[in-house]
């Protein structure tokens, strides 16, 4: 039996490949979503359930907490003292992503608020929530100039694989 093996290094192939600026620009335009960073929101919540008390008591406590927040008291301290959910010990901080698991009425309110803003009382079937947006940043897009090195690497890898497949 006889055999022949040919080993081609993709790094060597990449050195021979020439990329035009128009190829990089075309890739950028065709894949713009890949270079768009979504809006970021950091949110928190204080949750006062109806479970172990009268609804009127929970509403009175929620109004009191909201008043205190309005006077400038610390959200995290009040969340630790009054909130009754999994994030209470963390000062009601749901971070950049966990808040997305909250009920729809709270999500709607969070999406309406600006950074530093506080909701009113959000009454739900099983309790009352107060949400706060700590940070909010608009979506951003990486510029073509910033993306060029990344695009160059992607295109060189693609072209090297294509040449290897043809060999």
N, C-alpha and C. Protein backbone atom coordinates (compact mmCIF):
# COMPACT_ATOMS: atom_id res chain seq x y z
N UNK A 1 0.83 -1.18 0.00
CA UNK A 1 0.00 0.00 0.00
C UNK A 1 0.87 1.24 0.00
N UNK A 2 0.36 2.21 -0.70
CA UNK A 2 1.06 3.47 -0.73
C UNK A 2 0.10 4.58 -0.34
N UNK A 3 0.62 5.61 0.23
CA UNK A 3 -0.23 6.73 0.63
C UNK A 3 0.50 8.04 0.42
N UNK A 4 -0.28 9.03 0.28
CA UNK A 4 0.28 10.36 0.11
C UNK A 4 -0.51 11.30 1.01
N UNK A 5 0.18 12.01 1.82
CA UNK A 5 -0.47 12.97 2.72
C UNK A 5 0.06 14.35 2.42
N UNK A 6 -0.86 15.26 2.35
CA UNK A 6 -0.48 16.65 2.10
C UNK A 6 -1.00 17.48 3.27
N UNK A 7 -0.11 18.21 3.89
CA UNK A 7 -0.49 19.07 5.01
C UNK A 7 -0.32 20.52 4.57
N UNK A 8 -1.38 21.24 4.68
CA UNK A 8 -1.34 22.66 4.35
C UNK A 8 -1.67 23.45 5.61
N UNK A 9 -0.86 24.40 5.91
CA UNK A 9 -1.11 25.23 7.06
C UNK A 9 -1.99 26.40 6.64
N UNK A 10 -3.10 26.56 7.36
CA UNK A 10 -3.99 27.66 7.00
C UNK A 10 -3.32 29.01 7.23
N UNK A 11 -2.41 29.07 8.19
CA UNK A 11 -1.72 30.34 8.45
C UNK A 11 -0.86 30.74 7.25
N UNK A 12 -0.25 29.74 6.59
CA UNK A 12 0.53 30.04 5.39
C UNK A 12 -0.38 30.52 4.26
N UNK A 13 -1.55 29.89 4.15
CA UNK A 13 -2.50 30.29 3.12
C UNK A 13 -2.99 31.73 3.34
N UNK A 14 -3.22 32.05 4.59
CA UNK A 14 -3.75 33.38 4.91
C UNK A 14 -2.78 34.47 4.47
N UNK A 15 -1.48 34.18 4.50
CA UNK A 15 -0.49 35.19 4.10
C UNK A 15 -0.58 35.50 2.61
N UNK A 16 -1.10 34.54 1.85
CA UNK A 16 -1.19 34.73 0.40
C UNK A 16 -2.51 35.36 -0.04
N UNK A 17 -3.47 35.41 0.86
CA UNK A 17 -4.80 35.92 0.51
C UNK A 17 -4.81 37.44 0.64
N UNK A 18 -5.36 38.07 -0.38
CA UNK A 18 -5.50 39.52 -0.35
C UNK A 18 -6.97 39.88 -0.17
N UNK A 19 -7.21 40.78 0.75
CA UNK A 19 -8.58 41.25 0.99
C UNK A 19 -8.69 42.71 0.58
N UNK A 20 -9.74 43.01 -0.14
CA UNK A 20 -10.00 44.39 -0.53
C UNK A 20 -10.87 45.06 0.53
N UNK A 21 -10.71 46.36 0.66
CA UNK A 21 -11.53 47.11 1.62
C UNK A 21 -13.01 46.93 1.32
N UNK A 22 -13.35 46.80 0.03
CA UNK A 22 -14.78 46.64 -0.33
C UNK A 22 -15.32 45.32 0.20
N UNK A 23 -14.47 44.27 0.31
CA UNK A 23 -14.91 42.99 0.87
C UNK A 23 -15.22 43.15 2.36
N UNK A 24 -14.38 43.87 3.04
CA UNK A 24 -14.57 44.11 4.48
C UNK A 24 -15.83 44.95 4.70
N UNK A 25 -15.99 45.99 3.90
CA UNK A 25 -17.17 46.85 4.02
C UNK A 25 -18.45 46.07 3.71
N UNK A 26 -18.41 45.22 2.69
CA UNK A 26 -19.58 44.42 2.33
C UNK A 26 -19.95 43.46 3.47
N UNK A 27 -18.95 42.83 4.08
CA UNK A 27 -19.21 41.92 5.19
C UNK A 27 -19.85 42.70 6.35
N UNK A 28 -19.32 43.87 6.63
CA UNK A 28 -19.84 44.71 7.72
C UNK A 28 -21.31 45.05 7.47
N UNK A 29 -21.62 45.50 6.26
CA UNK A 29 -23.00 45.88 5.93
C UNK A 29 -23.93 44.67 5.96
N UNK A 30 -23.48 43.54 5.47
CA UNK A 30 -24.30 42.33 5.44
C UNK A 30 -24.52 41.72 6.82
N UNK A 31 -23.65 42.03 7.76
CA UNK A 31 -23.72 41.43 9.10
C UNK A 31 -23.77 42.49 10.20
N UNK A 32 -24.42 43.59 9.91
CA UNK A 32 -24.47 44.73 10.84
C UNK A 32 -25.01 44.33 12.22
N UNK A 33 -25.96 43.42 12.27
CA UNK A 33 -26.52 42.99 13.55
C UNK A 33 -25.44 42.39 14.45
N UNK A 34 -24.46 41.77 13.85
CA UNK A 34 -23.35 41.16 14.59
C UNK A 34 -22.51 42.23 15.31
N UNK A 35 -22.57 43.45 14.83
CA UNK A 35 -21.76 44.53 15.39
C UNK A 35 -22.60 45.53 16.20
N UNK A 36 -23.84 45.14 16.51
CA UNK A 36 -24.73 45.98 17.29
C UNK A 36 -24.85 45.41 18.70
N UNK A 37 -24.58 46.24 19.68
CA UNK A 37 -24.71 45.85 21.08
C UNK A 37 -26.06 46.33 21.58
N UNK A 38 -26.85 45.45 22.18
CA UNK A 38 -28.20 45.84 22.60
C UNK A 38 -28.20 46.82 23.77
N UNK A 39 -29.34 47.42 23.99
CA UNK A 39 -29.55 48.28 25.14
C UNK A 39 -29.27 47.48 26.42
N UNK A 40 -28.67 48.11 27.40
CA UNK A 40 -28.45 47.43 28.68
C UNK A 40 -29.22 48.16 29.77
N UNK A 41 -29.81 47.36 30.64
CA UNK A 41 -30.58 47.90 31.75
C UNK A 41 -30.21 47.12 33.00
N UNK A 42 -29.94 47.85 34.06
CA UNK A 42 -29.70 47.24 35.37
C UNK A 42 -30.86 47.68 36.26
N UNK A 43 -31.59 46.70 36.79
CA UNK A 43 -32.80 47.02 37.54
C UNK A 43 -32.84 46.33 38.89
N UNK A 44 -33.70 46.86 39.75
CA UNK A 44 -33.91 46.27 41.06
C UNK A 44 -35.39 46.30 41.40
N UNK A 45 -35.75 45.54 42.43
CA UNK A 45 -37.15 45.50 42.81
C UNK A 45 -37.30 45.27 44.31
N UNK A 46 -38.38 45.83 44.83
CA UNK A 46 -38.82 45.55 46.19
C UNK A 46 -40.17 44.86 46.04
N UNK A 47 -40.28 43.68 46.62
CA UNK A 47 -41.48 42.85 46.46
C UNK A 47 -42.16 42.65 47.82
N UNK A 48 -43.43 43.02 47.88
CA UNK A 48 -44.22 42.87 49.10
C UNK A 48 -45.41 41.97 48.79
N UNK A 49 -45.31 40.68 49.14
CA UNK A 49 -46.38 39.74 48.80
C UNK A 49 -47.60 39.86 49.72
N UNK A 50 -48.75 39.40 49.21
CA UNK A 50 -49.97 39.38 50.01
C UNK A 50 -50.05 38.11 50.84
N UNK A 51 -49.23 37.13 50.57
CA UNK A 51 -49.34 35.77 51.11
C UNK A 51 -49.65 35.67 52.61
N UNK A 52 -48.91 36.32 53.44
CA UNK A 52 -49.06 36.12 54.87
C UNK A 52 -49.73 37.29 55.59
N UNK A 53 -50.44 38.14 54.86
CA UNK A 53 -51.08 39.29 55.49
C UNK A 53 -52.23 39.81 54.65
N UNK A 54 -52.94 40.70 55.23
CA UNK A 54 -54.07 41.34 54.57
C UNK A 54 -53.55 42.22 53.43
N UNK A 55 -54.28 42.27 52.32
CA UNK A 55 -53.89 43.07 51.16
C UNK A 55 -53.74 44.55 51.54
N UNK A 56 -54.61 45.04 52.39
CA UNK A 56 -54.55 46.45 52.82
C UNK A 56 -53.27 46.74 53.58
N UNK A 57 -52.81 45.78 54.39
CA UNK A 57 -51.57 45.95 55.14
C UNK A 57 -50.38 46.06 54.17
N UNK A 58 -50.38 45.17 53.17
CA UNK A 58 -49.29 45.18 52.19
C UNK A 58 -49.28 46.50 51.41
N UNK A 59 -50.46 46.99 51.05
CA UNK A 59 -50.56 48.26 50.32
C UNK A 59 -50.05 49.42 51.17
N UNK A 60 -50.41 49.42 52.44
CA UNK A 60 -49.97 50.49 53.34
C UNK A 60 -48.45 50.46 53.49
N UNK A 61 -47.89 49.25 53.64
CA UNK A 61 -46.44 49.13 53.76
C UNK A 61 -45.74 49.56 52.48
N UNK A 62 -46.31 49.17 51.32
CA UNK A 62 -45.73 49.54 50.03
C UNK A 62 -45.75 51.06 49.84
N UNK A 63 -46.85 51.70 50.22
CA UNK A 63 -46.94 53.16 50.11
C UNK A 63 -45.91 53.83 51.00
N UNK A 64 -45.72 53.29 52.19
CA UNK A 64 -44.73 53.83 53.12
C UNK A 64 -43.31 53.71 52.54
N UNK A 65 -43.01 52.53 51.98
CA UNK A 65 -41.69 52.30 51.37
C UNK A 65 -41.48 53.26 50.20
N UNK A 66 -42.50 53.41 49.37
CA UNK A 66 -42.40 54.30 48.20
C UNK A 66 -42.18 55.75 48.66
N UNK A 67 -42.87 56.15 49.71
CA UNK A 67 -42.68 57.49 50.26
C UNK A 67 -41.24 57.70 50.73
N UNK A 68 -40.72 56.71 51.44
CA UNK A 68 -39.35 56.79 51.95
C UNK A 68 -38.35 56.87 50.79
N UNK A 69 -38.61 56.10 49.75
CA UNK A 69 -37.74 56.16 48.56
C UNK A 69 -37.81 57.56 47.93
N UNK A 70 -39.01 58.11 47.89
CA UNK A 70 -39.20 59.45 47.34
C UNK A 70 -38.45 60.52 48.12
N UNK A 71 -38.22 60.26 49.40
CA UNK A 71 -37.49 61.20 50.24
C UNK A 71 -35.98 60.98 50.17
N UNK A 72 -35.57 60.01 49.34
CA UNK A 72 -34.14 59.81 49.13
C UNK A 72 -33.50 58.68 49.91
N UNK A 73 -34.30 57.87 50.60
CA UNK A 73 -33.71 56.74 51.33
C UNK A 73 -33.14 55.73 50.34
N UNK A 74 -32.17 54.98 50.79
CA UNK A 74 -31.44 54.03 49.95
C UNK A 74 -32.32 52.85 49.53
N UNK A 75 -32.41 52.62 48.24
CA UNK A 75 -33.22 51.53 47.69
C UNK A 75 -32.75 50.18 48.22
N UNK A 76 -31.46 49.94 48.19
CA UNK A 76 -30.92 48.64 48.63
C UNK A 76 -31.23 48.38 50.10
N UNK A 77 -31.09 49.40 50.94
CA UNK A 77 -31.37 49.22 52.37
C UNK A 77 -32.85 48.90 52.59
N UNK A 78 -33.73 49.60 51.89
CA UNK A 78 -35.15 49.33 52.04
C UNK A 78 -35.53 47.97 51.46
N UNK A 79 -34.88 47.56 50.40
CA UNK A 79 -35.14 46.23 49.83
C UNK A 79 -34.74 45.15 50.83
N UNK A 80 -33.59 45.32 51.46
CA UNK A 80 -33.14 44.34 52.46
C UNK A 80 -34.12 44.28 53.63
N UNK A 81 -34.65 45.41 54.02
CA UNK A 81 -35.54 45.47 55.18
C UNK A 81 -36.96 45.00 54.88
N UNK A 82 -37.48 45.27 53.69
CA UNK A 82 -38.90 45.02 53.43
C UNK A 82 -39.21 43.98 52.34
N UNK A 83 -38.35 43.83 51.36
CA UNK A 83 -38.64 42.95 50.24
C UNK A 83 -38.66 41.49 50.67
N UNK A 84 -39.50 40.72 50.01
CA UNK A 84 -39.65 39.30 50.34
C UNK A 84 -39.47 38.44 49.08
N UNK A 85 -38.35 38.58 48.43
CA UNK A 85 -38.07 37.70 47.30
C UNK A 85 -36.61 37.26 47.34
N UNK A 86 -36.20 36.49 46.35
CA UNK A 86 -34.87 35.89 46.34
C UNK A 86 -33.74 36.93 46.29
N UNK A 87 -34.01 38.12 45.83
CA UNK A 87 -32.97 39.14 45.69
C UNK A 87 -32.97 40.17 46.83
N UNK A 88 -33.82 39.97 47.82
CA UNK A 88 -33.91 40.93 48.93
C UNK A 88 -32.57 41.09 49.64
N UNK A 89 -31.89 39.98 49.88
CA UNK A 89 -30.60 40.02 50.59
C UNK A 89 -29.54 40.78 49.78
N UNK A 90 -29.73 40.86 48.47
CA UNK A 90 -28.81 41.58 47.59
C UNK A 90 -29.25 43.03 47.38
N UNK A 91 -30.13 43.50 48.21
CA UNK A 91 -30.60 44.88 48.08
C UNK A 91 -31.59 45.04 46.93
N UNK A 92 -32.25 43.93 46.56
CA UNK A 92 -33.22 43.99 45.47
C UNK A 92 -32.59 44.08 44.09
N UNK A 93 -31.28 43.89 44.00
CA UNK A 93 -30.56 44.05 42.73
C UNK A 93 -30.78 42.84 41.82
N UNK A 94 -31.42 43.08 40.68
CA UNK A 94 -31.65 42.03 39.69
C UNK A 94 -30.63 42.11 38.55
N UNK A 95 -29.66 42.98 38.67
CA UNK A 95 -28.56 43.05 37.71
C UNK A 95 -28.99 43.42 36.30
N UNK A 96 -28.16 43.02 35.35
CA UNK A 96 -28.38 43.34 33.94
C UNK A 96 -29.32 42.36 33.24
N UNK A 97 -29.48 41.16 33.80
CA UNK A 97 -30.23 40.12 33.09
C UNK A 97 -31.36 39.50 33.89
N UNK A 98 -31.18 39.27 35.18
CA UNK A 98 -32.17 38.55 35.97
C UNK A 98 -33.53 39.25 36.00
N UNK A 99 -33.55 40.55 35.87
CA UNK A 99 -34.82 41.28 35.89
C UNK A 99 -35.74 40.86 34.76
N UNK A 100 -35.17 40.31 33.71
CA UNK A 100 -35.98 39.89 32.55
C UNK A 100 -36.92 38.73 32.89
N UNK A 101 -36.72 38.10 34.06
CA UNK A 101 -37.58 36.99 34.48
C UNK A 101 -38.75 37.47 35.33
N UNK A 102 -38.84 38.75 35.59
CA UNK A 102 -39.92 39.31 36.40
C UNK A 102 -41.24 39.27 35.63
N UNK A 103 -42.37 39.39 36.33
CA UNK A 103 -43.67 39.39 35.65
C UNK A 103 -43.80 40.54 34.66
N UNK A 104 -44.65 40.35 33.66
CA UNK A 104 -44.80 41.30 32.56
C UNK A 104 -45.11 42.73 33.00
N UNK A 105 -46.00 42.95 33.99
CA UNK A 105 -46.25 44.35 34.39
C UNK A 105 -44.98 45.06 34.88
N UNK A 106 -44.11 44.32 35.56
CA UNK A 106 -42.86 44.91 36.05
C UNK A 106 -41.90 45.15 34.88
N UNK A 107 -41.85 44.22 33.94
CA UNK A 107 -40.99 44.39 32.76
C UNK A 107 -41.41 45.64 31.97
N UNK A 108 -42.72 45.77 31.79
CA UNK A 108 -43.22 46.94 31.06
C UNK A 108 -42.80 48.24 31.74
N UNK A 109 -42.89 48.27 33.05
CA UNK A 109 -42.53 49.47 33.81
C UNK A 109 -41.03 49.74 33.70
N UNK A 110 -40.22 48.70 33.84
CA UNK A 110 -38.77 48.85 33.74
C UNK A 110 -38.38 49.42 32.38
N UNK A 111 -39.02 48.92 31.33
CA UNK A 111 -38.70 49.39 29.99
C UNK A 111 -39.09 50.85 29.76
N UNK A 112 -40.06 51.36 30.52
CA UNK A 112 -40.48 52.76 30.39
C UNK A 112 -39.56 53.72 31.15
N UNK A 113 -38.94 53.23 32.21
CA UNK A 113 -38.16 54.10 33.10
C UNK A 113 -36.80 54.46 32.51
N UNK A 114 -36.30 55.61 32.92
CA UNK A 114 -34.93 56.03 32.59
C UNK A 114 -34.02 55.67 33.75
N UNK A 115 -32.72 55.78 33.53
CA UNK A 115 -31.75 55.50 34.59
C UNK A 115 -32.02 56.37 35.80
N UNK A 116 -32.04 55.75 36.98
CA UNK A 116 -32.26 56.46 38.23
C UNK A 116 -33.72 56.64 38.60
N UNK A 117 -34.63 56.23 37.71
CA UNK A 117 -36.05 56.41 37.99
C UNK A 117 -36.64 55.23 38.74
N UNK A 118 -37.71 55.52 39.45
CA UNK A 118 -38.42 54.59 40.29
C UNK A 118 -39.85 54.48 39.79
N UNK A 119 -40.42 53.30 39.85
CA UNK A 119 -41.82 53.13 39.46
C UNK A 119 -42.72 53.56 40.60
N UNK A 120 -43.99 53.57 40.31
CA UNK A 120 -44.98 53.69 41.37
C UNK A 120 -45.24 52.28 41.89
N UNK A 121 -46.35 52.09 42.56
CA UNK A 121 -46.71 50.76 43.04
C UNK A 121 -47.28 49.95 41.88
N UNK A 122 -46.77 48.76 41.72
CA UNK A 122 -47.25 47.85 40.67
C UNK A 122 -47.99 46.73 41.39
N UNK A 123 -49.31 46.78 41.36
CA UNK A 123 -50.13 45.79 42.06
C UNK A 123 -50.38 44.61 41.14
N UNK A 124 -50.03 43.44 41.64
CA UNK A 124 -50.24 42.20 40.90
C UNK A 124 -51.15 41.29 41.71
N UNK A 125 -51.47 40.12 41.21
CA UNK A 125 -52.42 39.25 41.89
C UNK A 125 -51.90 38.75 43.23
N UNK A 126 -50.59 38.60 43.37
CA UNK A 126 -50.03 38.02 44.60
C UNK A 126 -49.17 38.99 45.41
N UNK A 127 -49.10 40.24 45.01
CA UNK A 127 -48.30 41.18 45.78
C UNK A 127 -48.13 42.52 45.08
N UNK A 128 -47.27 43.35 45.67
CA UNK A 128 -47.00 44.69 45.13
C UNK A 128 -45.50 44.83 44.93
N UNK A 129 -45.14 45.39 43.79
CA UNK A 129 -43.73 45.59 43.47
C UNK A 129 -43.44 47.08 43.28
N UNK A 130 -42.21 47.43 43.59
CA UNK A 130 -41.66 48.74 43.26
C UNK A 130 -40.37 48.43 42.53
N UNK A 131 -40.22 48.94 41.32
CA UNK A 131 -39.00 48.67 40.56
C UNK A 131 -38.22 49.96 40.33
N UNK A 132 -36.93 49.79 40.17
CA UNK A 132 -36.04 50.93 39.93
C UNK A 132 -35.04 50.55 38.85
N UNK A 133 -34.78 51.48 37.96
CA UNK A 133 -33.74 51.29 36.94
C UNK A 133 -32.50 52.02 37.44
N UNK A 134 -31.46 51.25 37.74
CA UNK A 134 -30.22 51.83 38.25
C UNK A 134 -29.37 52.39 37.10
N UNK A 135 -29.31 51.64 36.01
CA UNK A 135 -28.51 52.05 34.84
C UNK A 135 -29.27 51.70 33.58
N UNK A 136 -29.08 52.52 32.56
CA UNK A 136 -29.69 52.23 31.26
C UNK A 136 -28.82 52.86 30.19
N UNK A 137 -28.42 52.07 29.23
CA UNK A 137 -27.63 52.61 28.12
C UNK A 137 -28.27 52.21 26.80
N UNK A 138 -28.22 53.11 25.86
CA UNK A 138 -28.82 52.89 24.54
C UNK A 138 -28.01 51.86 23.76
N UNK A 139 -28.64 51.24 22.77
CA UNK A 139 -27.89 50.31 21.92
C UNK A 139 -26.76 51.04 21.21
N UNK A 140 -25.66 50.35 20.99
CA UNK A 140 -24.52 50.94 20.29
C UNK A 140 -24.12 50.03 19.12
N UNK A 141 -23.47 50.62 18.16
CA UNK A 141 -22.97 49.85 17.02
C UNK A 141 -21.48 50.09 16.91
N UNK A 142 -20.74 48.99 16.80
CA UNK A 142 -19.30 49.07 16.59
C UNK A 142 -19.08 49.67 15.20
N UNK A 143 -18.20 50.64 15.10
CA UNK A 143 -17.95 51.27 13.80
C UNK A 143 -17.18 50.32 12.89
N UNK A 144 -17.23 50.61 11.60
CA UNK A 144 -16.49 49.81 10.63
C UNK A 144 -15.01 49.79 10.97
N UNK A 145 -14.47 50.95 11.32
CA UNK A 145 -13.03 51.04 11.66
C UNK A 145 -12.70 50.14 12.85
N UNK A 146 -13.56 50.12 13.86
CA UNK A 146 -13.32 49.28 15.03
C UNK A 146 -13.47 47.79 14.69
N UNK A 147 -14.36 47.49 13.76
CA UNK A 147 -14.65 46.10 13.41
C UNK A 147 -13.69 45.51 12.38
N UNK A 148 -12.94 46.35 11.68
CA UNK A 148 -12.07 45.87 10.60
C UNK A 148 -11.14 44.71 10.99
N UNK A 149 -10.42 44.78 12.12
CA UNK A 149 -9.54 43.66 12.46
C UNK A 149 -10.30 42.34 12.64
N UNK A 150 -11.44 42.40 13.27
CA UNK A 150 -12.25 41.20 13.48
C UNK A 150 -12.77 40.66 12.15
N UNK A 151 -13.25 41.55 11.29
CA UNK A 151 -13.77 41.13 9.98
C UNK A 151 -12.64 40.55 9.14
N UNK A 152 -11.48 41.18 9.18
CA UNK A 152 -10.33 40.69 8.42
C UNK A 152 -10.01 39.24 8.83
N UNK A 153 -10.01 38.96 10.12
CA UNK A 153 -9.74 37.60 10.61
C UNK A 153 -10.80 36.63 10.13
N UNK A 154 -12.06 37.01 10.21
CA UNK A 154 -13.16 36.15 9.77
C UNK A 154 -13.03 35.83 8.29
N UNK A 155 -12.82 36.86 7.48
CA UNK A 155 -12.73 36.66 6.03
C UNK A 155 -11.50 35.84 5.63
N UNK A 156 -10.38 36.08 6.30
CA UNK A 156 -9.18 35.30 6.00
C UNK A 156 -9.40 33.82 6.34
N UNK A 157 -10.05 33.54 7.47
CA UNK A 157 -10.36 32.16 7.84
C UNK A 157 -11.28 31.51 6.81
N UNK A 158 -12.30 32.24 6.38
CA UNK A 158 -13.24 31.71 5.39
C UNK A 158 -12.54 31.39 4.07
N UNK A 159 -11.76 32.34 3.59
CA UNK A 159 -11.09 32.15 2.31
C UNK A 159 -10.05 31.03 2.37
N UNK A 160 -9.35 30.92 3.50
CA UNK A 160 -8.36 29.84 3.66
C UNK A 160 -9.06 28.48 3.64
N UNK A 161 -10.20 28.37 4.32
CA UNK A 161 -10.94 27.10 4.31
C UNK A 161 -11.44 26.77 2.92
N UNK A 162 -11.92 27.79 2.19
CA UNK A 162 -12.39 27.59 0.82
C UNK A 162 -11.25 27.07 -0.07
N UNK A 163 -10.07 27.66 0.08
CA UNK A 163 -8.94 27.22 -0.73
C UNK A 163 -8.52 25.80 -0.38
N UNK A 164 -8.57 25.46 0.89
CA UNK A 164 -8.24 24.09 1.32
C UNK A 164 -9.25 23.09 0.77
N UNK A 165 -10.51 23.48 0.75
CA UNK A 165 -11.55 22.57 0.24
C UNK A 165 -11.37 22.33 -1.26
N UNK A 166 -10.85 23.32 -1.97
CA UNK A 166 -10.63 23.19 -3.41
C UNK A 166 -9.36 22.40 -3.73
N UNK A 167 -8.43 22.34 -2.77
CA UNK A 167 -7.14 21.69 -3.02
C UNK A 167 -7.27 20.18 -3.06
